[in-house]
Amino acid sequence: IATVVTVAEILKNNGLAVEKKISTSTIDMRDESRGRPIQKAKVEIILGKSEQFNDLMAAAAEEREV
């Protein structure tokens, strides 16, 4: 979960994405070693392109060409 949140925050802080929706839930899984059901956390983060996305990507591409 930490990785997903970190990536979303980096994209938002760099102006590449806007947050549309965040939801959390738990999912049932089976513990392989014990065979018992366990619950794990699940996070869903939906992002969309920011209005500046295309401009920022074009500027980054120009920097790489130089």
N, C-alpha and C. Protein backbone atom coordinates (compact mmCIF):
# COMPACT_ATOMS: atom_id res chain seq x y z
N ILE A 1 0.83 -1.19 0.00
CA ILE A 1 0.00 0.00 0.00
C ILE A 1 0.87 1.25 0.00
N ALA A 2 1.95 1.23 0.74
CA ALA A 2 2.81 2.41 0.83
C ALA A 2 3.36 2.81 -0.53
N THR A 3 3.71 1.85 -1.36
CA THR A 3 4.25 2.15 -2.68
C THR A 3 3.21 2.84 -3.55
N VAL A 4 1.99 2.35 -3.52
CA VAL A 4 0.91 2.94 -4.33
C VAL A 4 0.67 4.39 -3.91
N VAL A 5 0.63 4.63 -2.63
CA VAL A 5 0.40 5.98 -2.11
C VAL A 5 1.57 6.89 -2.49
N THR A 6 2.79 6.39 -2.39
CA THR A 6 3.97 7.18 -2.73
C THR A 6 3.96 7.58 -4.20
N VAL A 7 3.68 6.64 -5.08
CA VAL A 7 3.65 6.94 -6.52
C VAL A 7 2.56 7.96 -6.83
N ALA A 8 1.39 7.80 -6.23
CA ALA A 8 0.30 8.75 -6.45
C ALA A 8 0.69 10.15 -5.98
N GLU A 9 1.32 10.25 -4.83
CA GLU A 9 1.74 11.55 -4.31
C GLU A 9 2.80 12.19 -5.19
N ILE A 10 3.74 11.41 -5.70
CA ILE A 10 4.78 11.95 -6.59
C ILE A 10 4.14 12.51 -7.85
N LEU A 11 3.23 11.76 -8.45
CA LEU A 11 2.56 12.23 -9.67
C LEU A 11 1.77 13.51 -9.40
N LYS A 12 1.07 13.56 -8.28
CA LYS A 12 0.30 14.76 -7.93
C LYS A 12 1.21 15.94 -7.65
N ASN A 13 2.27 15.73 -6.88
CA ASN A 13 3.17 16.83 -6.52
C ASN A 13 3.92 17.39 -7.71
N ASN A 14 4.16 16.55 -8.73
CA ASN A 14 4.85 17.01 -9.94
C ASN A 14 3.88 17.60 -10.96
N GLY A 15 2.60 17.67 -10.61
CA GLY A 15 1.61 18.28 -11.49
C GLY A 15 1.17 17.40 -12.64
N LEU A 16 1.50 16.12 -12.60
CA LEU A 16 1.15 15.23 -13.70
C LEU A 16 -0.23 14.60 -13.56
N ALA A 17 -0.75 14.54 -12.34
CA ALA A 17 -2.03 13.85 -12.12
C ALA A 17 -2.88 14.60 -11.11
N VAL A 18 -4.17 14.33 -11.20
CA VAL A 18 -5.13 14.83 -10.21
C VAL A 18 -5.86 13.63 -9.63
N GLU A 19 -6.17 13.74 -8.37
CA GLU A 19 -6.83 12.65 -7.65
C GLU A 19 -8.32 12.68 -7.96
N LYS A 20 -8.86 11.53 -8.37
CA LYS A 20 -10.28 11.45 -8.65
C LYS A 20 -11.03 10.71 -7.56
N LYS A 21 -10.44 9.63 -7.05
CA LYS A 21 -11.14 8.83 -6.05
C LYS A 21 -10.13 8.00 -5.26
N ILE A 22 -10.40 7.85 -3.96
CA ILE A 22 -9.61 6.95 -3.12
C ILE A 22 -10.61 6.09 -2.35
N SER A 23 -10.38 4.79 -2.35
CA SER A 23 -11.23 3.91 -1.55
C SER A 23 -10.36 2.85 -0.88
N THR A 24 -10.80 2.44 0.29
CA THR A 24 -10.11 1.39 1.02
C THR A 24 -11.10 0.29 1.36
N SER A 25 -10.58 -0.92 1.47
CA SER A 25 -11.42 -2.05 1.84
C SER A 25 -10.50 -3.16 2.34
N THR A 26 -11.11 -4.24 2.74
CA THR A 26 -10.34 -5.43 3.11
C THR A 26 -10.77 -6.56 2.20
N ILE A 27 -9.83 -7.44 1.91
CA ILE A 27 -10.13 -8.61 1.10
C ILE A 27 -9.77 -9.86 1.90
N ASP A 28 -10.53 -10.90 1.68
CA ASP A 28 -10.27 -12.17 2.35
C ASP A 28 -9.29 -12.99 1.53
N MET A 29 -8.27 -13.49 2.19
CA MET A 29 -7.28 -14.35 1.54
C MET A 29 -7.06 -15.56 2.44
N ARG A 30 -6.44 -16.57 1.89
CA ARG A 30 -6.14 -17.76 2.67
C ARG A 30 -4.65 -17.77 2.99
N ASP A 31 -4.34 -17.92 4.27
CA ASP A 31 -2.95 -18.02 4.73
C ASP A 31 -2.39 -19.35 4.23
N GLU A 32 -1.39 -19.28 3.35
CA GLU A 32 -0.83 -20.50 2.74
C GLU A 32 -0.24 -21.45 3.78
N SER A 33 0.45 -20.91 4.77
CA SER A 33 1.14 -21.78 5.73
C SER A 33 0.18 -22.42 6.73
N ARG A 34 -0.87 -21.71 7.10
CA ARG A 34 -1.79 -22.23 8.12
C ARG A 34 -3.13 -22.68 7.54
N GLY A 35 -3.44 -22.24 6.32
CA GLY A 35 -4.71 -22.61 5.71
C GLY A 35 -5.91 -21.87 6.25
N ARG A 36 -5.66 -20.85 7.07
CA ARG A 36 -6.77 -20.09 7.65
C ARG A 36 -7.06 -18.85 6.80
N PRO A 37 -8.31 -18.42 6.82
CA PRO A 37 -8.61 -17.17 6.11
C PRO A 37 -8.07 -15.97 6.89
N ILE A 38 -7.53 -15.01 6.17
CA ILE A 38 -7.04 -13.77 6.78
C ILE A 38 -7.56 -12.59 5.97
N GLN A 39 -7.59 -11.42 6.57
CA GLN A 39 -8.01 -10.22 5.87
C GLN A 39 -6.79 -9.34 5.60
N LYS A 40 -6.75 -8.80 4.39
CA LYS A 40 -5.68 -7.89 4.01
C LYS A 40 -6.29 -6.57 3.56
N ALA A 41 -5.55 -5.50 3.78
CA ALA A 41 -6.01 -4.17 3.37
C ALA A 41 -5.85 -4.00 1.87
N LYS A 42 -6.78 -3.28 1.28
CA LYS A 42 -6.73 -2.98 -0.15
C LYS A 42 -7.01 -1.49 -0.31
N VAL A 43 -6.22 -0.81 -1.13
CA VAL A 43 -6.45 0.60 -1.41
C VAL A 43 -6.55 0.77 -2.92
N GLU A 44 -7.49 1.59 -3.34
CA GLU A 44 -7.66 1.88 -4.76
C GLU A 44 -7.58 3.39 -4.92
N ILE A 45 -6.62 3.85 -5.72
CA ILE A 45 -6.44 5.28 -5.97
C ILE A 45 -6.62 5.50 -7.46
N ILE A 46 -7.61 6.30 -7.81
CA ILE A 46 -7.87 6.60 -9.21
C ILE A 46 -7.38 8.01 -9.49
N LEU A 47 -6.45 8.11 -10.44
CA LEU A 47 -5.88 9.39 -10.84
C LEU A 47 -6.26 9.69 -12.28
N GLY A 48 -6.28 10.96 -12.61
CA GLY A 48 -6.49 11.39 -13.98
C GLY A 48 -5.36 12.32 -14.39
N LYS A 49 -5.19 12.49 -15.68
CA LYS A 49 -4.17 13.41 -16.17
C LYS A 49 -4.52 14.83 -15.76
N SER A 50 -3.51 15.58 -15.37
CA SER A 50 -3.73 16.99 -15.05
C SER A 50 -3.83 17.79 -16.34
N GLU A 51 -4.31 19.01 -16.22
CA GLU A 51 -4.41 19.87 -17.40
C GLU A 51 -3.04 20.18 -17.98
N GLN A 52 -2.01 20.21 -17.14
CA GLN A 52 -0.65 20.53 -17.58
C GLN A 52 0.13 19.29 -18.04
N PHE A 53 -0.48 18.11 -18.00
CA PHE A 53 0.24 16.87 -18.28
C PHE A 53 0.98 16.92 -19.62
N ASN A 54 0.28 17.24 -20.70
CA ASN A 54 0.91 17.23 -22.03
C ASN A 54 2.04 18.25 -22.13
N ASP A 55 1.84 19.43 -21.53
CA ASP A 55 2.90 20.45 -21.56
C ASP A 55 4.13 20.00 -20.78
N LEU A 56 3.91 19.40 -19.61
CA LEU A 56 5.03 18.92 -18.80
C LEU A 56 5.79 17.78 -19.49
N MET A 57 5.07 16.89 -20.14
CA MET A 57 5.72 15.78 -20.84
C MET A 57 6.50 16.28 -22.05
N ALA A 58 5.96 17.26 -22.76
CA ALA A 58 6.66 17.83 -23.91
C ALA A 58 7.94 18.53 -23.46
N ALA A 59 7.87 19.26 -22.36
CA ALA A 59 9.06 19.95 -21.84
C ALA A 59 10.11 18.95 -21.41
N ALA A 60 9.70 17.86 -20.79
CA ALA A 60 10.65 16.83 -20.37
C ALA A 60 11.30 16.16 -21.58
N ALA A 61 10.54 15.95 -22.63
CA ALA A 61 11.09 15.34 -23.84
C ALA A 61 12.11 16.27 -24.50
N GLU A 62 11.83 17.56 -24.49
CA GLU A 62 12.78 18.53 -25.06
C GLU A 62 14.08 18.54 -24.28
N GLU A 63 14.00 18.45 -22.96
CA GLU A 63 15.21 18.44 -22.12
C GLU A 63 16.08 17.23 -22.44
N ARG A 64 15.45 16.10 -22.71
CA ARG A 64 16.21 14.88 -23.01
C ARG A 64 16.89 14.96 -24.36
N GLU A 65 16.30 15.69 -25.29
CA GLU A 65 16.88 15.81 -26.63
C GLU A 65 18.10 16.72 -26.65
N VAL A 66 18.18 17.64 -25.72
CA VAL A 66 19.28 18.62 -25.70
C VAL A 66 20.53 18.03 -25.18
